[in-house]
N, C-alpha and C. Protein backbone atom coordinates (compact mmCIF):
# COMPACT_ATOMS: atom_id res chain seq x y z
N ASN A 1 180.42 51.76 167.01
CA ASN A 1 180.34 51.91 168.46
C ASN A 1 179.31 50.93 169.01
N ALA A 2 179.26 50.82 170.31
CA ALA A 2 178.38 49.86 170.97
C ALA A 2 176.90 50.15 170.71
N ILE A 3 176.55 51.39 170.45
CA ILE A 3 175.15 51.76 170.23
C ILE A 3 174.57 51.03 169.02
N GLY A 4 175.33 50.91 167.95
CA GLY A 4 174.85 50.28 166.73
C GLY A 4 175.32 48.86 166.52
N GLU A 5 176.06 48.31 167.47
CA GLU A 5 176.67 46.99 167.29
C GLU A 5 175.64 45.89 167.03
N LYS A 6 174.56 45.85 167.79
CA LYS A 6 173.55 44.80 167.61
C LYS A 6 172.97 44.87 166.20
N SER A 7 172.62 46.07 165.76
CA SER A 7 172.05 46.23 164.42
C SER A 7 173.05 45.81 163.35
N LYS A 8 174.28 46.21 163.48
CA LYS A 8 175.32 45.96 162.47
C LYS A 8 175.69 44.49 162.38
N LEU A 9 175.82 43.85 163.53
CA LEU A 9 176.40 42.50 163.56
C LEU A 9 175.41 41.37 163.78
N HIS A 10 174.18 41.67 164.19
CA HIS A 10 173.28 40.58 164.57
C HIS A 10 171.88 40.66 163.97
N THR A 11 171.61 41.63 163.11
CA THR A 11 170.26 41.81 162.58
C THR A 11 170.30 41.78 161.05
N LYS A 12 169.44 40.97 160.46
CA LYS A 12 169.42 40.83 159.00
C LYS A 12 168.95 42.12 158.31
N THR A 13 167.92 42.75 158.85
CA THR A 13 167.42 44.02 158.30
C THR A 13 167.50 45.07 159.41
N PRO A 14 168.65 45.68 159.56
CA PRO A 14 168.90 46.58 160.69
C PRO A 14 168.17 47.92 160.60
N VAL A 15 167.90 48.46 161.76
CA VAL A 15 167.48 49.84 161.94
C VAL A 15 168.41 50.36 163.03
N TYR A 16 169.28 51.28 162.66
CA TYR A 16 170.31 51.74 163.58
C TYR A 16 169.78 52.84 164.50
N PRO A 17 170.12 52.76 165.78
CA PRO A 17 169.71 53.81 166.71
C PRO A 17 170.46 55.12 166.47
N VAL A 18 169.81 56.21 166.83
CA VAL A 18 170.46 57.52 166.78
C VAL A 18 171.74 57.44 167.61
N CYS A 19 172.77 58.08 167.16
CA CYS A 19 174.11 58.13 167.77
C CYS A 19 174.99 56.93 167.40
N THR A 20 174.51 56.04 166.50
CA THR A 20 175.38 54.99 165.98
C THR A 20 176.49 55.66 165.18
N VAL A 21 177.72 55.20 165.37
CA VAL A 21 178.86 55.70 164.61
C VAL A 21 179.59 54.50 164.01
N ILE A 22 179.85 54.57 162.72
CA ILE A 22 180.60 53.52 162.02
C ILE A 22 181.80 54.17 161.37
N VAL A 23 182.99 53.67 161.67
CA VAL A 23 184.23 54.20 161.10
C VAL A 23 184.89 53.09 160.30
N LYS A 24 185.31 53.43 159.09
CA LYS A 24 185.97 52.44 158.24
C LYS A 24 187.25 53.04 157.69
N GLU A 25 188.32 52.27 157.78
CA GLU A 25 189.60 52.67 157.18
C GLU A 25 189.64 52.15 155.75
N LYS A 26 190.10 52.98 154.82
CA LYS A 26 190.29 52.55 153.44
C LYS A 26 191.79 52.59 153.14
N HIS A 27 192.31 51.41 152.84
CA HIS A 27 193.74 51.26 152.57
C HIS A 27 193.98 51.12 151.06
N PRO A 28 195.12 51.62 150.59
CA PRO A 28 195.42 51.51 149.15
C PRO A 28 195.64 50.07 148.70
N ASP A 29 196.07 49.20 149.61
CA ASP A 29 196.24 47.78 149.29
C ASP A 29 196.24 46.98 150.59
N VAL A 30 196.18 45.67 150.48
CA VAL A 30 196.05 44.81 151.67
C VAL A 30 197.28 44.83 152.58
N LYS A 31 198.42 45.20 152.06
CA LYS A 31 199.65 45.23 152.87
C LYS A 31 199.87 46.56 153.58
N SER A 32 199.11 47.55 153.22
CA SER A 32 199.27 48.88 153.78
C SER A 32 198.89 48.93 155.26
N LYS A 33 199.69 49.61 156.04
CA LYS A 33 199.40 49.77 157.47
C LYS A 33 198.76 51.12 157.77
N LYS A 34 198.86 52.07 156.83
CA LYS A 34 198.29 53.39 157.01
C LYS A 34 197.11 53.58 156.06
N PRO A 35 195.97 53.99 156.58
CA PRO A 35 194.84 54.22 155.68
C PRO A 35 195.03 55.48 154.84
N GLU A 36 194.48 55.45 153.62
CA GLU A 36 194.50 56.66 152.81
C GLU A 36 193.28 57.53 153.10
N LEU A 37 192.20 56.87 153.57
CA LEU A 37 190.98 57.60 153.96
C LEU A 37 190.36 56.97 155.19
N LEU A 38 189.68 57.79 155.96
CA LEU A 38 188.84 57.32 157.06
C LEU A 38 187.43 57.79 156.73
N THR A 39 186.47 56.86 156.72
CA THR A 39 185.09 57.26 156.47
C THR A 39 184.31 57.09 157.77
N VAL A 40 183.47 58.06 158.05
CA VAL A 40 182.68 58.06 159.28
C VAL A 40 181.23 58.28 158.91
N THR A 41 180.36 57.41 159.41
CA THR A 41 178.92 57.62 159.26
C THR A 41 178.34 57.70 160.67
N ARG A 42 177.47 58.68 160.84
CA ARG A 42 176.87 58.89 162.17
C ARG A 42 175.37 59.07 162.00
N LYS A 43 174.59 58.24 162.71
CA LYS A 43 173.12 58.34 162.65
C LYS A 43 172.69 59.53 163.50
N ARG A 44 171.99 60.45 162.85
CA ARG A 44 171.53 61.67 163.52
C ARG A 44 170.05 61.57 163.84
N SER A 45 169.53 62.56 164.52
CA SER A 45 168.11 62.60 164.88
C SER A 45 167.23 62.70 163.64
N ALA A 46 165.99 62.24 163.78
CA ALA A 46 165.02 62.29 162.67
C ALA A 46 164.91 63.71 162.14
N GLY A 47 164.96 63.82 160.82
CA GLY A 47 164.86 65.12 160.16
C GLY A 47 166.20 65.70 159.74
N PHE A 48 167.31 65.11 160.17
CA PHE A 48 168.63 65.62 159.78
C PHE A 48 168.81 65.56 158.27
N ASP A 49 168.52 64.40 157.68
CA ASP A 49 168.61 64.21 156.23
C ASP A 49 167.69 63.05 155.87
N LYS A 50 166.40 63.33 155.87
CA LYS A 50 165.38 62.30 155.70
C LYS A 50 165.61 61.43 154.46
N GLY A 51 166.03 62.03 153.36
CA GLY A 51 166.25 61.29 152.12
C GLY A 51 167.42 60.33 152.16
N ASN A 52 168.23 60.40 153.20
CA ASN A 52 169.40 59.52 153.35
C ASN A 52 169.42 58.84 154.71
N GLY A 53 168.23 58.58 155.25
CA GLY A 53 168.14 57.84 156.50
C GLY A 53 168.64 58.57 157.72
N ASP A 54 168.81 59.89 157.61
CA ASP A 54 169.32 60.73 158.71
C ASP A 54 170.76 60.38 159.10
N TRP A 55 171.54 59.94 158.11
CA TRP A 55 172.96 59.67 158.32
C TRP A 55 173.78 60.90 157.95
N GLU A 56 174.83 61.13 158.70
CA GLU A 56 175.83 62.15 158.38
C GLU A 56 177.06 61.40 157.89
N TYR A 57 177.64 61.87 156.79
CA TYR A 57 178.81 61.23 156.21
C TYR A 57 179.99 62.19 156.26
N LEU A 58 181.10 61.69 156.77
CA LEU A 58 182.34 62.47 156.84
C LEU A 58 183.48 61.61 156.30
N VAL A 59 184.38 62.25 155.58
CA VAL A 59 185.55 61.55 155.04
C VAL A 59 186.79 62.37 155.39
N TYR A 60 187.80 61.68 155.89
CA TYR A 60 189.05 62.33 156.28
C TYR A 60 190.21 61.71 155.52
N ALA A 61 191.17 62.52 155.15
CA ALA A 61 192.40 62.00 154.55
C ALA A 61 193.15 61.24 155.65
N GLY A 62 193.73 60.11 155.30
CA GLY A 62 194.44 59.31 156.29
C GLY A 62 195.60 60.04 156.94
N ASN A 63 196.19 61.00 156.22
CA ASN A 63 197.31 61.75 156.78
C ASN A 63 196.86 63.02 157.51
N ASP A 64 195.54 63.30 157.52
CA ASP A 64 195.00 64.47 158.21
C ASP A 64 193.61 64.16 158.76
N PRO A 65 193.54 63.32 159.81
CA PRO A 65 192.23 62.90 160.32
C PRO A 65 191.54 63.94 161.22
N VAL A 66 191.85 65.21 161.03
CA VAL A 66 191.23 66.26 161.83
C VAL A 66 190.19 67.04 161.03
N LYS A 67 190.50 67.37 159.79
CA LYS A 67 189.64 68.21 158.96
C LYS A 67 188.98 67.36 157.87
N PRO A 68 187.64 67.26 157.86
CA PRO A 68 186.99 66.44 156.84
C PRO A 68 187.14 67.01 155.44
N LEU A 69 187.17 66.12 154.44
CA LEU A 69 187.22 66.52 153.04
C LEU A 69 185.84 67.04 152.65
N LYS A 70 185.77 68.11 151.90
CA LYS A 70 184.51 68.81 151.66
C LYS A 70 183.51 68.09 150.76
N ASN A 71 183.88 67.61 149.61
CA ASN A 71 182.90 67.12 148.65
C ASN A 71 182.64 65.62 148.72
N GLU A 72 183.34 64.90 149.55
CA GLU A 72 183.18 63.45 149.61
C GLU A 72 181.81 62.98 150.10
N PRO A 73 181.14 63.68 151.03
CA PRO A 73 179.82 63.19 151.48
C PRO A 73 178.81 63.00 150.35
N LYS A 74 178.88 63.78 149.28
CA LYS A 74 177.97 63.60 148.14
C LYS A 74 178.17 62.22 147.53
N ARG A 75 179.41 61.82 147.39
CA ARG A 75 179.72 60.50 146.85
C ARG A 75 179.23 59.41 147.81
N CYS A 76 179.38 59.62 149.10
CA CYS A 76 178.92 58.65 150.09
C CYS A 76 177.41 58.44 149.98
N LYS A 77 176.67 59.53 149.88
CA LYS A 77 175.21 59.44 149.79
C LYS A 77 174.80 58.67 148.54
N SER A 78 175.45 58.92 147.42
CA SER A 78 175.08 58.24 146.18
C SER A 78 175.37 56.74 146.27
N TYR A 79 176.35 56.34 147.05
CA TYR A 79 176.67 54.93 147.26
C TYR A 79 175.66 54.29 148.22
N HIS A 80 175.42 54.92 149.34
CA HIS A 80 174.61 54.33 150.41
C HIS A 80 173.12 54.24 150.08
N VAL A 81 172.63 55.04 149.15
CA VAL A 81 171.21 54.98 148.80
C VAL A 81 170.81 53.59 148.28
N ALA A 82 171.75 52.86 147.73
CA ALA A 82 171.47 51.50 147.25
C ALA A 82 171.18 50.54 148.41
N PHE A 83 171.51 50.94 149.62
CA PHE A 83 171.32 50.09 150.80
C PHE A 83 170.19 50.61 151.69
N LYS A 84 169.22 51.26 151.09
CA LYS A 84 168.09 51.83 151.82
C LYS A 84 167.40 50.78 152.69
N ASP A 85 167.24 49.55 152.18
CA ASP A 85 166.57 48.49 152.93
C ASP A 85 167.39 48.00 154.13
N LEU A 86 168.65 48.39 154.19
CA LEU A 86 169.52 48.02 155.32
C LEU A 86 169.85 49.27 156.14
N ASP A 87 168.93 50.22 156.15
CA ASP A 87 169.11 51.51 156.83
C ASP A 87 170.36 52.23 156.31
N TYR A 88 170.58 52.13 155.00
CA TYR A 88 171.63 52.85 154.28
C TYR A 88 173.05 52.41 154.65
N VAL A 89 173.21 51.23 155.21
CA VAL A 89 174.54 50.76 155.61
C VAL A 89 174.89 49.50 154.83
N SER A 90 176.01 49.53 154.14
CA SER A 90 176.52 48.37 153.41
C SER A 90 177.27 47.46 154.37
N ARG A 91 177.08 46.18 154.18
CA ARG A 91 177.89 45.21 154.93
C ARG A 91 178.58 44.28 153.95
N SER A 92 178.81 44.75 152.74
CA SER A 92 179.38 43.92 151.68
C SER A 92 180.80 43.45 152.00
N TYR A 93 181.48 44.11 152.91
CA TYR A 93 182.84 43.73 153.25
C TYR A 93 182.89 42.64 154.33
N LEU A 94 181.75 42.28 154.90
CA LEU A 94 181.73 41.21 155.90
C LEU A 94 181.73 39.85 155.20
N PRO A 95 182.42 38.86 155.75
CA PRO A 95 182.46 37.54 155.12
C PRO A 95 181.07 36.91 155.03
N ASP A 96 180.80 36.17 153.94
CA ASP A 96 179.50 35.52 153.74
C ASP A 96 179.13 34.62 154.91
N ILE A 97 180.09 33.90 155.45
CA ILE A 97 179.81 32.99 156.57
C ILE A 97 179.23 33.77 157.76
N PHE A 98 179.68 34.99 157.95
CA PHE A 98 179.17 35.83 159.02
C PHE A 98 177.76 36.32 158.68
N LEU A 99 177.57 36.79 157.44
CA LEU A 99 176.28 37.32 157.02
C LEU A 99 175.19 36.24 157.07
N ASN A 100 175.54 34.99 156.83
CA ASN A 100 174.56 33.90 156.86
C ASN A 100 174.04 33.63 158.26
N LYS A 101 174.70 34.12 159.29
CA LYS A 101 174.28 33.90 160.67
C LYS A 101 173.37 35.00 161.20
N LEU A 102 173.14 36.05 160.43
CA LEU A 102 172.30 37.16 160.89
C LEU A 102 170.86 36.69 161.08
N LYS A 103 170.21 37.27 162.10
CA LYS A 103 168.83 36.91 162.42
C LYS A 103 167.86 37.86 161.77
């Protein structure tokens, strides 16, 4: 969303504002038009989950984007902890040419 756009796209070492929302579609292959999963990360107020940068993690099945999957947030936390220096957000899927322009 626009709240976190500057941090995500223009800052080398971002600190995301509260209410930042990042949604990512996960497709089974590059030709797929329907995602198999939707992942949502939302920056919450200080104290929500101090050990994970106060991020909330939600995962939805691509065929049922209404009810989140129960145990997936544990897996999300274990992945995102490696990106603590980037406020727990991976940008590994962005092209290198883009990442080289970050300030």
